[in-house]
Amino acid sequence: MILGCIADDFTGATDLANTLTRRGMHTVQTIGIPQGAAPEADAVVVALKSRTVPAAEAVAQSLAACRWLKSHGARQIFFKYCSTFDSTDAGNIGPVADALLDALGAGFTIACPAFPENGRSIYLGHLFVGGELLSDSPMKNHPLTPMRDASLVRVLGRQTPHKVGLVPYRTVKQGAPAIAEAYASLAAQGIRHAIVDALEDRDLEHIGAASSALPLITGGSGVAIGLPQNYLTARLIPRREGAAALDKVGGPGIVLSGSCSAATLGQVERFAATHPARAIDPAALAADPEATVRDLLAWATAALKQGPALIYASAPPDKVAAVQAQFGRDRAGAMIEQAIARLAQGLAADGVRRFVIAGGETSGAVVSALKVEALEIGPQIAPGVPACLAHGAPRYALALKSGNFGGPDFFGQALEALA
């Protein structure tokens, strides 16, 4: 293992693994910290469920992952979070990055969530989603991490007691030597974290090249596109093609959606227009979770005899707010996750082997419920979303989608890719 990665949610982990695989690194994603030997791979991505837990818990999980990765040979650590910088003033990006820097004996790192292929760019430290500032995008209404400030210097500055600086685009466009010089200058000024502007993939390649000597890199999957070339140049990895096709698993295919992002809502509407679809009723679930899950399983069993089907808890912001007001934010989220996890277990027991999951928290719940320990990364379905195949038995074919990713027809495309 050359690169050790720590991802704060499961879909973010597959997003990063997809980027590294497409750039020629043999990459394996583990679900949590492995108990045994390290997988044979150039890069290992440890998927945690730490994005929205208390900061102290996120720090503890991330440090444990870092220790495991370093003990198994990782030369560089990558802390992966969402390309929309999902966090609150309490963390968890700042506290985790600070803890990892301390553990690695380092005094400087970068923060770059840019992902131009999916419309995420950074200019003068401000994050844009498509043509909108982050604070004007649908992310401002995220039920767990509402993002209402587009200035990443300010956002990260509220999460760390240390200084946060900026490498502006006028420096980035000059290439790797200028970026590396900016790193050194900022570090000399006592700045510990630097937001780095990026508008296109070429910028990310320059940033990757400039970051070859950093013990810790933090950001979205985009900034990782420049890292494999560093390891190739240093002859640490062989030259490889992109992802190989995965073995076919066959059998019925189900879509389970817990994301409430605007992109996922459009995907739910498009898929439900031509396939059987059933919404999860939060009130019924709260009143009698056992009966509600049994009813949904019975419906799915019948529907899957005709072809793929969809079960979803996705809802627009006003309905999400109403459910949270009625049951409390944490309880509402937990009961939906638990229900979808139990649905996945029941469906797997009935022979379902193809799962398309929408939402980071939902993906974490499902993969944990299915007791998946590691994933082989296959070809890309959509930017940031690869086809995955679970190690061990039974072999599940999975697509774990961040809520904001994929076009309107993603669910159908993913099921076809996993067939």
Protein backbone atom coordinates (compact mmCIF):
# COMPACT_ATOMS: atom_id res chain seq x y z
CA MET A 1 0.00 0.00 0.00
CA ILE A 2 1.28 3.43 -0.98
CA LEU A 3 -1.71 5.68 -0.32
CA GLY A 4 -3.90 5.29 2.75
CA CYS A 5 -7.28 7.02 2.60
CA ILE A 6 -9.84 7.83 5.27
CA ALA A 7 -13.33 8.74 4.02
CA ASP A 8 -16.00 10.24 6.26
CA ASP A 9 -18.83 8.36 4.57
CA PHE A 10 -19.36 5.33 2.36
CA THR A 11 -20.34 7.02 -0.90
CA GLY A 12 -17.44 9.43 -0.54
CA ALA A 13 -15.15 6.44 -0.18
CA THR A 14 -16.36 4.87 -3.43
CA ASP A 15 -16.08 8.26 -5.12
CA LEU A 16 -12.40 8.48 -4.15
CA ALA A 17 -11.73 4.83 -4.97
CA ASN A 18 -13.29 5.42 -8.38
CA THR A 19 -10.98 8.38 -9.07
CA LEU A 20 -7.84 6.48 -8.07
CA THR A 21 -8.86 3.38 -10.03
CA ARG A 22 -9.57 5.37 -13.19
CA ARG A 23 -6.10 6.93 -12.88
CA GLY A 24 -4.42 3.53 -12.75
CA MET A 25 -4.11 2.66 -9.05
CA HIS A 26 -5.36 -0.74 -7.89
CA THR A 27 -7.71 0.40 -5.14
CA VAL A 28 -9.74 -1.51 -2.57
CA GLN A 29 -12.37 0.05 -0.32
CA THR A 30 -12.83 -1.41 3.14
CA ILE A 31 -15.95 -0.99 5.23
CA GLY A 32 -14.55 0.29 8.47
CA ILE A 33 -11.08 -0.59 9.71
CA PRO A 34 -10.09 -4.12 8.63
CA GLN A 35 -9.43 -6.65 11.35
CA GLY A 36 -6.95 -8.77 9.42
CA ALA A 37 -4.22 -8.25 6.88
CA ALA A 38 -4.28 -5.34 4.47
CA PRO A 39 -5.73 -6.00 1.02
CA GLU A 40 -3.25 -6.31 -1.82
CA ALA A 41 -3.60 -2.87 -3.38
CA ASP A 42 -1.78 0.35 -4.26
CA ALA A 43 -4.38 2.34 -2.33
CA VAL A 44 -6.78 1.36 0.43
CA VAL A 45 -9.79 3.55 1.21
CA VAL A 46 -11.20 3.03 4.70
CA ALA A 47 -14.87 3.99 4.68
CA LEU A 48 -16.07 5.42 7.98
CA LYS A 49 -19.47 6.78 8.99
CA SER A 50 -18.06 9.83 10.73
CA ARG A 51 -19.40 12.86 8.87
CA THR A 52 -22.23 13.72 11.22
CA VAL A 53 -21.28 11.97 14.47
CA PRO A 54 -19.96 14.07 17.39
CA ALA A 55 -16.55 15.54 16.56
CA ALA A 56 -14.72 13.60 19.29
CA GLU A 57 -16.07 10.33 17.89
CA ALA A 58 -15.10 11.30 14.34
CA VAL A 59 -11.58 12.11 15.53
CA ALA A 60 -11.26 8.79 17.37
CA GLN A 61 -12.44 6.79 14.34
CA SER A 62 -10.16 8.68 11.96
CA LEU A 63 -7.09 8.32 14.17
CA ALA A 64 -7.70 4.59 14.48
CA ALA A 65 -7.93 4.32 10.69
CA CYS A 66 -4.75 6.37 10.30
CA ARG A 67 -2.84 4.12 12.70
CA TRP A 68 -3.97 1.02 10.82
CA LEU A 69 -3.05 2.48 7.43
CA LYS A 70 0.38 3.63 8.58
CA SER A 71 1.08 0.28 10.24
CA HIS A 72 0.36 -1.43 6.92
CA GLY A 73 2.75 0.69 4.89
CA ALA A 74 0.86 3.81 3.79
CA ARG A 75 3.34 6.53 2.82
CA GLN A 76 0.79 9.30 2.47
CA ILE A 77 -2.63 9.83 4.09
CA PHE A 78 -5.66 11.30 2.33
CA PHE A 79 -8.67 12.52 4.33
CA LYS A 80 -11.70 12.50 2.03
CA TYR A 81 -14.85 14.52 2.65
CA CYS A 82 -17.68 15.73 0.45
CA SER A 83 -17.16 18.02 -2.53
CA THR A 84 -19.74 20.33 -0.94
CA PHE A 85 -17.67 20.48 2.29
CA ASP A 86 -20.53 18.99 4.34
CA SER A 87 -19.92 20.02 7.94
CA THR A 88 -21.04 22.34 10.72
CA ASP A 89 -19.23 24.87 12.89
CA ALA A 90 -18.52 22.02 15.32
CA GLY A 91 -16.78 19.95 12.61
CA ASN A 92 -16.02 17.44 11.59
CA ILE A 93 -13.54 18.47 8.89
CA GLY A 94 -11.42 20.81 11.02
CA PRO A 95 -11.13 18.64 14.15
CA VAL A 96 -10.28 15.51 12.14
CA ALA A 97 -7.70 17.29 9.97
CA ASP A 98 -6.04 18.78 13.06
CA ALA A 99 -5.91 15.42 14.80
CA LEU A 100 -4.43 13.71 11.74
CA LEU A 101 -1.78 16.42 11.37
CA ASP A 102 -0.80 15.94 15.01
CA ALA A 103 -0.68 12.15 14.63
CA LEU A 104 1.54 12.44 11.55
CA GLY A 105 3.83 15.02 13.12
CA ALA A 106 2.97 17.50 10.36
CA GLY A 107 2.24 21.20 10.53
CA PHE A 108 0.55 21.99 7.22
CA THR A 109 -2.06 20.55 4.89
CA ILE A 110 -4.45 21.63 2.17
CA ALA A 111 -8.24 21.55 1.87
CA CYS A 112 -9.54 21.25 -1.68
CA PRO A 113 -13.02 19.78 -2.26
CA ALA A 114 -13.13 20.87 -5.93
CA PHE A 115 -14.63 18.34 -8.37
CA PRO A 116 -15.03 20.11 -11.74
CA GLU A 117 -16.46 17.03 -13.48
CA ASN A 118 -19.44 17.27 -11.13
CA GLY A 119 -19.64 21.06 -11.16
CA ARG A 120 -17.72 21.81 -7.93
CA SER A 121 -15.13 24.56 -8.29
CA ILE A 122 -13.31 26.91 -5.92
CA TYR A 123 -12.42 30.51 -6.73
CA LEU A 124 -10.96 32.97 -4.21
CA GLY A 125 -11.74 30.40 -1.56
CA HIS A 126 -15.45 30.29 -2.40
CA LEU A 127 -17.06 26.99 -3.35
CA PHE A 128 -19.40 26.92 -6.33
CA VAL A 129 -21.91 24.18 -7.17
CA GLY A 130 -22.55 24.48 -10.87
CA GLY A 131 -23.05 28.18 -11.46
CA GLU A 132 -24.17 28.93 -7.91
CA LEU A 133 -22.34 29.72 -4.72
CA LEU A 134 -22.59 26.83 -2.27
CA SER A 135 -24.71 29.03 -0.01
CA ASP A 136 -27.24 29.57 -2.82
CA SER A 137 -27.37 25.91 -3.87
CA PRO A 138 -29.80 23.26 -2.57
CA MET A 139 -27.10 22.37 -0.02
CA LYS A 140 -28.28 25.34 2.04
CA ASN A 141 -31.24 23.14 3.04
CA HIS A 142 -29.35 19.92 3.78
CA PRO A 143 -31.15 18.28 6.73
CA LEU A 144 -27.94 17.46 8.64
CA THR A 145 -25.27 19.86 7.37
CA PRO A 146 -26.91 22.98 5.90
CA MET A 147 -24.22 24.91 4.03
CA ARG A 148 -25.00 28.63 4.22
CA ASP A 149 -21.53 30.13 3.79
CA ALA A 150 -19.61 29.64 0.53
CA SER A 151 -16.29 30.94 1.90
CA LEU A 152 -14.32 27.83 2.81
CA VAL A 153 -11.71 29.95 4.59
CA ARG A 154 -14.44 31.15 6.96
CA VAL A 155 -16.15 27.75 7.25
CA LEU A 156 -12.95 25.89 8.08
CA GLY A 157 -11.78 28.78 10.27
CA ARG A 158 -14.77 28.21 12.54
CA GLN A 159 -13.82 24.54 12.94
CA THR A 160 -10.18 24.90 13.94
CA PRO A 161 -8.21 27.09 16.38
CA HIS A 162 -5.42 27.31 13.79
CA LYS A 163 -4.90 29.76 10.94
CA VAL A 164 -6.55 29.07 7.59
CA GLY A 165 -5.08 30.54 4.41
CA LEU A 166 -5.66 30.49 0.66
CA VAL A 167 -3.75 29.49 -2.45
CA PRO A 168 -5.57 31.65 -5.02
CA TYR A 169 -6.22 30.76 -8.62
CA ARG A 170 -3.62 33.19 -9.95
CA THR A 171 -1.03 30.97 -8.23
CA VAL A 172 -2.64 27.65 -9.12
CA LYS A 173 -2.71 28.42 -12.84
CA GLN A 174 1.08 28.89 -12.79
CA GLY A 175 1.54 25.19 -12.07
CA ALA A 176 2.98 22.85 -9.46
CA PRO A 177 6.21 24.75 -8.61
CA ALA A 178 4.29 27.95 -7.84
CA ILE A 179 1.75 26.04 -5.76
CA ALA A 180 4.48 24.29 -3.77
CA GLU A 181 6.16 27.65 -3.16
CA ALA A 182 2.84 29.02 -1.88
CA TYR A 183 2.56 26.07 0.51
CA ALA A 184 5.99 26.84 1.95
CA SER A 185 5.19 30.54 2.30
CA LEU A 186 1.89 29.90 4.08
CA ALA A 187 3.45 27.34 6.42
CA ALA A 188 6.20 29.83 7.29
CA GLN A 189 3.47 32.30 8.30
CA GLY A 190 2.04 29.79 10.77
CA ILE A 191 -0.91 28.85 8.58
CA ARG A 192 -1.88 25.22 9.13
CA HIS A 193 -4.67 24.75 6.57
CA ALA A 194 -4.78 26.17 3.05
CA ILE A 195 -7.88 26.27 0.87
CA VAL A 196 -6.70 25.78 -2.72
CA ASP A 197 -8.60 27.21 -5.69
CA ALA A 198 -9.37 24.92 -8.64
CA LEU A 199 -11.57 25.39 -11.71
CA GLU A 200 -10.69 22.44 -13.93
CA ASP A 201 -9.00 19.04 -13.83
CA ARG A 202 -5.70 20.49 -15.00
CA ASP A 203 -5.60 22.60 -11.84
CA LEU A 204 -6.11 19.48 -9.73
CA GLU A 205 -3.25 17.74 -11.53
CA HIS A 206 -0.98 20.68 -10.67
CA ILE A 207 -2.16 20.60 -7.04
CA GLY A 208 -1.53 16.86 -6.85
CA ALA A 209 2.00 17.27 -8.18
CA ALA A 210 2.70 20.08 -5.71
CA SER A 211 1.41 17.94 -2.83
CA SER A 212 3.70 14.94 -3.31
CA ALA A 213 5.65 15.65 -0.11
CA LEU A 214 2.69 16.44 2.15
CA PRO A 215 2.12 13.75 4.80
CA LEU A 216 -1.59 14.60 4.77
CA ILE A 217 -3.88 15.79 1.98
CA THR A 218 -7.53 16.65 2.62
CA GLY A 219 -10.28 17.26 0.11
CA GLY A 220 -12.79 15.76 -2.25
CA SER A 221 -12.00 13.00 -4.69
CA GLY A 222 -11.06 15.50 -7.41
CA VAL A 223 -7.77 16.55 -5.85
CA ALA A 224 -6.67 12.90 -5.89
CA ILE A 225 -6.47 12.79 -9.68
CA GLY A 226 -2.91 14.12 -9.62
CA LEU A 227 -1.58 11.68 -7.01
CA PRO A 228 -1.13 8.47 -9.06
CA GLN A 229 1.29 10.25 -11.39
CA ASN A 230 3.46 11.11 -8.38
CA TYR A 231 3.74 7.43 -7.46
CA LEU A 232 4.37 6.43 -11.08
CA THR A 233 7.15 9.00 -11.37
CA ALA A 234 8.70 7.68 -8.15
CA ARG A 235 8.31 4.09 -9.48
CA LEU A 236 6.24 3.11 -6.48
CA ILE A 237 3.43 1.62 -8.58
CA PRO A 238 3.31 0.01 -12.04
CA ARG A 239 1.48 1.62 -14.93
CA ARG A 240 -2.04 0.19 -15.22
CA GLU A 241 -5.16 0.75 -17.27
CA GLY A 242 -8.39 1.87 -15.59
CA ALA A 243 -10.97 -0.32 -13.91
CA ALA A 244 -11.58 -3.84 -15.16
CA ALA A 245 -15.08 -5.22 -15.66
CA LEU A 246 -16.53 -6.90 -12.58
CA ASP A 247 -17.96 -10.40 -12.38
CA LYS A 248 -21.71 -10.56 -12.97
CA VAL A 249 -23.96 -11.53 -10.08
CA GLY A 250 -27.39 -11.53 -11.77
CA GLY A 251 -30.67 -11.75 -9.91
CA PRO A 252 -33.21 -9.07 -8.97
CA GLY A 253 -32.22 -5.44 -8.55
CA ILE A 254 -33.56 -2.93 -6.02
CA VAL A 255 -33.08 0.81 -5.51
CA LEU A 256 -33.09 2.03 -1.89
CA SER A 257 -33.04 5.81 -1.55
CA GLY A 258 -32.66 7.84 1.61
CA SER A 259 -31.12 10.98 0.13
CA CYS A 260 -33.23 14.12 0.02
CA SER A 261 -30.99 16.06 -2.38
CA ALA A 262 -32.50 17.81 -5.37
CA ALA A 263 -30.65 15.46 -7.73
CA THR A 264 -31.98 12.35 -6.00
CA LEU A 265 -35.54 13.69 -5.90
CA GLY A 266 -35.38 14.04 -9.68
CA GLN A 267 -34.01 10.51 -10.02
CA VAL A 268 -36.77 9.11 -7.82
CA GLU A 269 -39.43 10.87 -9.89
CA ARG A 270 -37.94 9.66 -13.18
CA PHE A 271 -37.55 6.02 -12.08
CA ALA A 272 -40.96 5.86 -10.37
CA ALA A 273 -42.64 6.94 -13.61
CA THR A 274 -41.75 3.60 -15.23
CA HIS A 275 -41.10 1.17 -12.35
CA PRO A 276 -42.86 0.02 -9.17
CA ALA A 277 -42.05 2.47 -6.36
CA ARG A 278 -43.08 2.73 -2.72
CA ALA A 279 -42.43 5.56 -0.27
CA ILE A 280 -41.61 4.89 3.38
CA ASP A 281 -44.23 6.50 5.63
CA PRO A 282 -42.39 8.05 8.62
CA ALA A 283 -45.55 8.16 10.77
CA ALA A 284 -46.28 4.47 10.19
CA LEU A 285 -42.64 3.64 10.81
CA ALA A 286 -42.63 5.50 14.12
CA ALA A 287 -45.89 3.87 15.22
CA ASP A 288 -44.95 0.28 14.35
CA PRO A 289 -41.53 -0.24 12.76
CA GLU A 290 -41.82 -4.04 12.65
CA ALA A 291 -45.12 -4.04 10.78
CA THR A 292 -44.01 -1.26 8.43
CA VAL A 293 -40.85 -3.10 7.40
CA ARG A 294 -42.78 -6.37 6.95
CA ASP A 295 -45.28 -4.60 4.72
CA LEU A 296 -42.54 -3.01 2.60
CA LEU A 297 -40.75 -6.35 2.24
CA ALA A 298 -43.94 -8.08 1.13
CA TRP A 299 -44.56 -5.34 -1.42
CA ALA A 300 -40.98 -5.52 -2.72
CA THR A 301 -41.04 -9.31 -3.01
CA ALA A 302 -44.11 -9.11 -5.24
CA ALA A 303 -42.84 -6.13 -7.25
CA LEU A 304 -39.42 -7.66 -7.96
CA LYS A 305 -41.04 -10.59 -9.76
CA GLN A 306 -41.83 -8.10 -12.53
CA GLY A 307 -38.43 -6.37 -12.56
CA PRO A 308 -36.47 -3.70 -10.65
CA ALA A 309 -38.26 -1.66 -7.98
CA LEU A 310 -37.68 1.38 -5.76
CA ILE A 311 -38.25 1.98 -2.05
CA TYR A 312 -37.53 5.52 -0.94
CA ALA A 313 -37.59 7.90 2.00
CA SER A 314 -36.48 10.83 -0.18
CA ALA A 315 -38.63 13.94 0.24
CA PRO A 316 -38.46 17.68 -0.50
CA PRO A 317 -37.17 20.12 2.16
CA ASP A 318 -40.60 21.14 3.50
CA LYS A 319 -41.63 17.53 4.13
CA VAL A 320 -38.26 16.71 5.69
CA ALA A 321 -38.61 19.70 8.00
CA ALA A 322 -42.11 18.59 9.02
CA VAL A 323 -40.94 15.05 9.83
CA GLN A 324 -37.98 16.38 11.83
CA ALA A 325 -40.27 18.75 13.72
CA GLN A 326 -42.60 15.88 14.58
CA PHE A 327 -40.05 13.24 15.59
CA GLY A 328 -36.81 15.17 16.15
CA ARG A 329 -33.95 15.34 13.65
CA ASP A 330 -31.85 12.54 15.10
CA ARG A 331 -34.76 10.15 15.70
CA ALA A 332 -36.20 10.76 12.23
CA GLY A 333 -32.88 10.02 10.55
CA ALA A 334 -32.14 6.99 12.70
CA MET A 335 -35.49 5.30 12.17
CA ILE A 336 -35.26 5.73 8.39
CA GLU A 337 -31.72 4.34 8.31
CA GLN A 338 -32.66 1.39 10.51
CA ALA A 339 -35.69 0.60 8.37
CA ILE A 340 -33.72 0.67 5.12
CA ALA A 341 -30.98 -1.47 6.68
CA ARG A 342 -33.54 -4.08 7.72
CA LEU A 343 -35.13 -3.93 4.29
CA ALA A 344 -31.74 -4.65 2.72
CA GLN A 345 -31.24 -7.64 5.01
CA GLY A 346 -34.67 -9.01 4.19
CA LEU A 347 -34.22 -8.49 0.46
CA ALA A 348 -30.81 -10.17 0.54
CA ALA A 349 -32.34 -13.15 2.35
CA ASP A 350 -34.84 -13.36 -0.53
CA GLY A 351 -32.02 -13.51 -3.08
CA VAL A 352 -31.55 -9.88 -4.13
CA ARG A 353 -27.92 -9.33 -5.10
CA ARG A 354 -28.00 -6.00 -6.97
CA PHE A 355 -28.43 -2.89 -4.82
CA VAL A 356 -28.44 0.75 -5.92
CA ILE A 357 -28.27 2.96 -2.83
CA ALA A 358 -28.79 6.74 -2.83
CA GLY A 359 -27.35 8.76 0.04
CA GLY A 360 -24.21 8.54 2.13
CA GLU A 361 -25.90 7.73 5.44
CA THR A 362 -28.21 5.27 3.70
CA SER A 363 -25.29 3.56 1.95
CA GLY A 364 -23.49 3.17 5.25
CA ALA A 365 -26.54 1.61 6.87
CA VAL A 366 -27.10 -0.84 4.01
CA VAL A 367 -23.50 -1.95 3.56
CA SER A 368 -23.15 -2.48 7.31
CA ALA A 369 -26.41 -4.43 7.43
CA LEU A 370 -25.22 -6.69 4.60
CA LYS A 371 -21.95 -7.26 6.51
CA VAL A 372 -19.83 -6.23 3.53
CA GLU A 373 -16.17 -5.96 4.56
CA ALA A 374 -14.52 -4.71 1.36
CA LEU A 375 -15.37 -3.64 -2.18
CA GLU A 376 -13.64 -4.17 -5.50
CA ILE A 377 -13.97 -1.06 -7.65
CA GLY A 378 -15.25 -1.46 -11.19
CA PRO A 379 -16.06 0.84 -14.12
CA GLN A 380 -17.61 4.24 -13.55
CA ILE A 381 -21.40 4.49 -13.89
CA ALA A 382 -21.53 8.27 -13.50
CA PRO A 383 -18.93 10.79 -12.32
CA GLY A 384 -18.07 9.87 -8.74
CA VAL A 385 -20.04 6.60 -8.75
CA PRO A 386 -18.43 3.29 -9.77
CA ALA A 387 -19.89 -0.18 -9.94
CA CYS A 388 -18.68 -2.17 -6.92
CA LEU A 389 -18.50 -5.86 -6.08
CA ALA A 390 -18.44 -7.04 -2.48
CA HIS A 391 -15.64 -9.35 -1.39
CA GLY A 392 -16.65 -12.66 0.12
CA ALA A 393 -19.97 -14.47 -0.07
CA PRO A 394 -22.62 -13.75 -1.03
CA ARG A 395 -21.30 -11.43 -3.72
CA TYR A 396 -23.36 -8.27 -3.91
CA ALA A 397 -23.13 -5.83 -6.81
CA LEU A 398 -23.49 -2.32 -5.42
CA ALA A 399 -23.73 1.26 -6.59
CA LEU A 400 -23.33 3.67 -3.66
CA LYS A 401 -24.38 7.14 -4.77
CA SER A 402 -23.80 10.43 -3.02
CA GLY A 403 -27.11 12.26 -2.99
CA ASN A 404 -25.99 15.01 -5.36
CA PHE A 405 -24.42 12.74 -8.00
CA GLY A 406 -25.81 11.27 -11.19
CA GLY A 407 -28.20 12.42 -13.90
CA PRO A 408 -31.98 11.98 -13.97
CA ASP A 409 -31.74 8.41 -15.35
CA PHE A 410 -29.06 7.26 -12.91
CA PHE A 411 -31.08 4.53 -11.19
CA GLY A 412 -31.82 2.72 -14.43
CA GLN A 413 -28.26 3.15 -15.68
CA ALA A 414 -26.86 1.78 -12.43
CA LEU A 415 -29.08 -1.30 -12.42
CA GLU A 416 -28.06 -2.02 -16.00
CA ALA A 417 -24.36 -1.59 -15.12
CA LEU A 418 -24.75 -4.04 -12.23
CA ALA A 419 -26.67 -6.65 -14.25
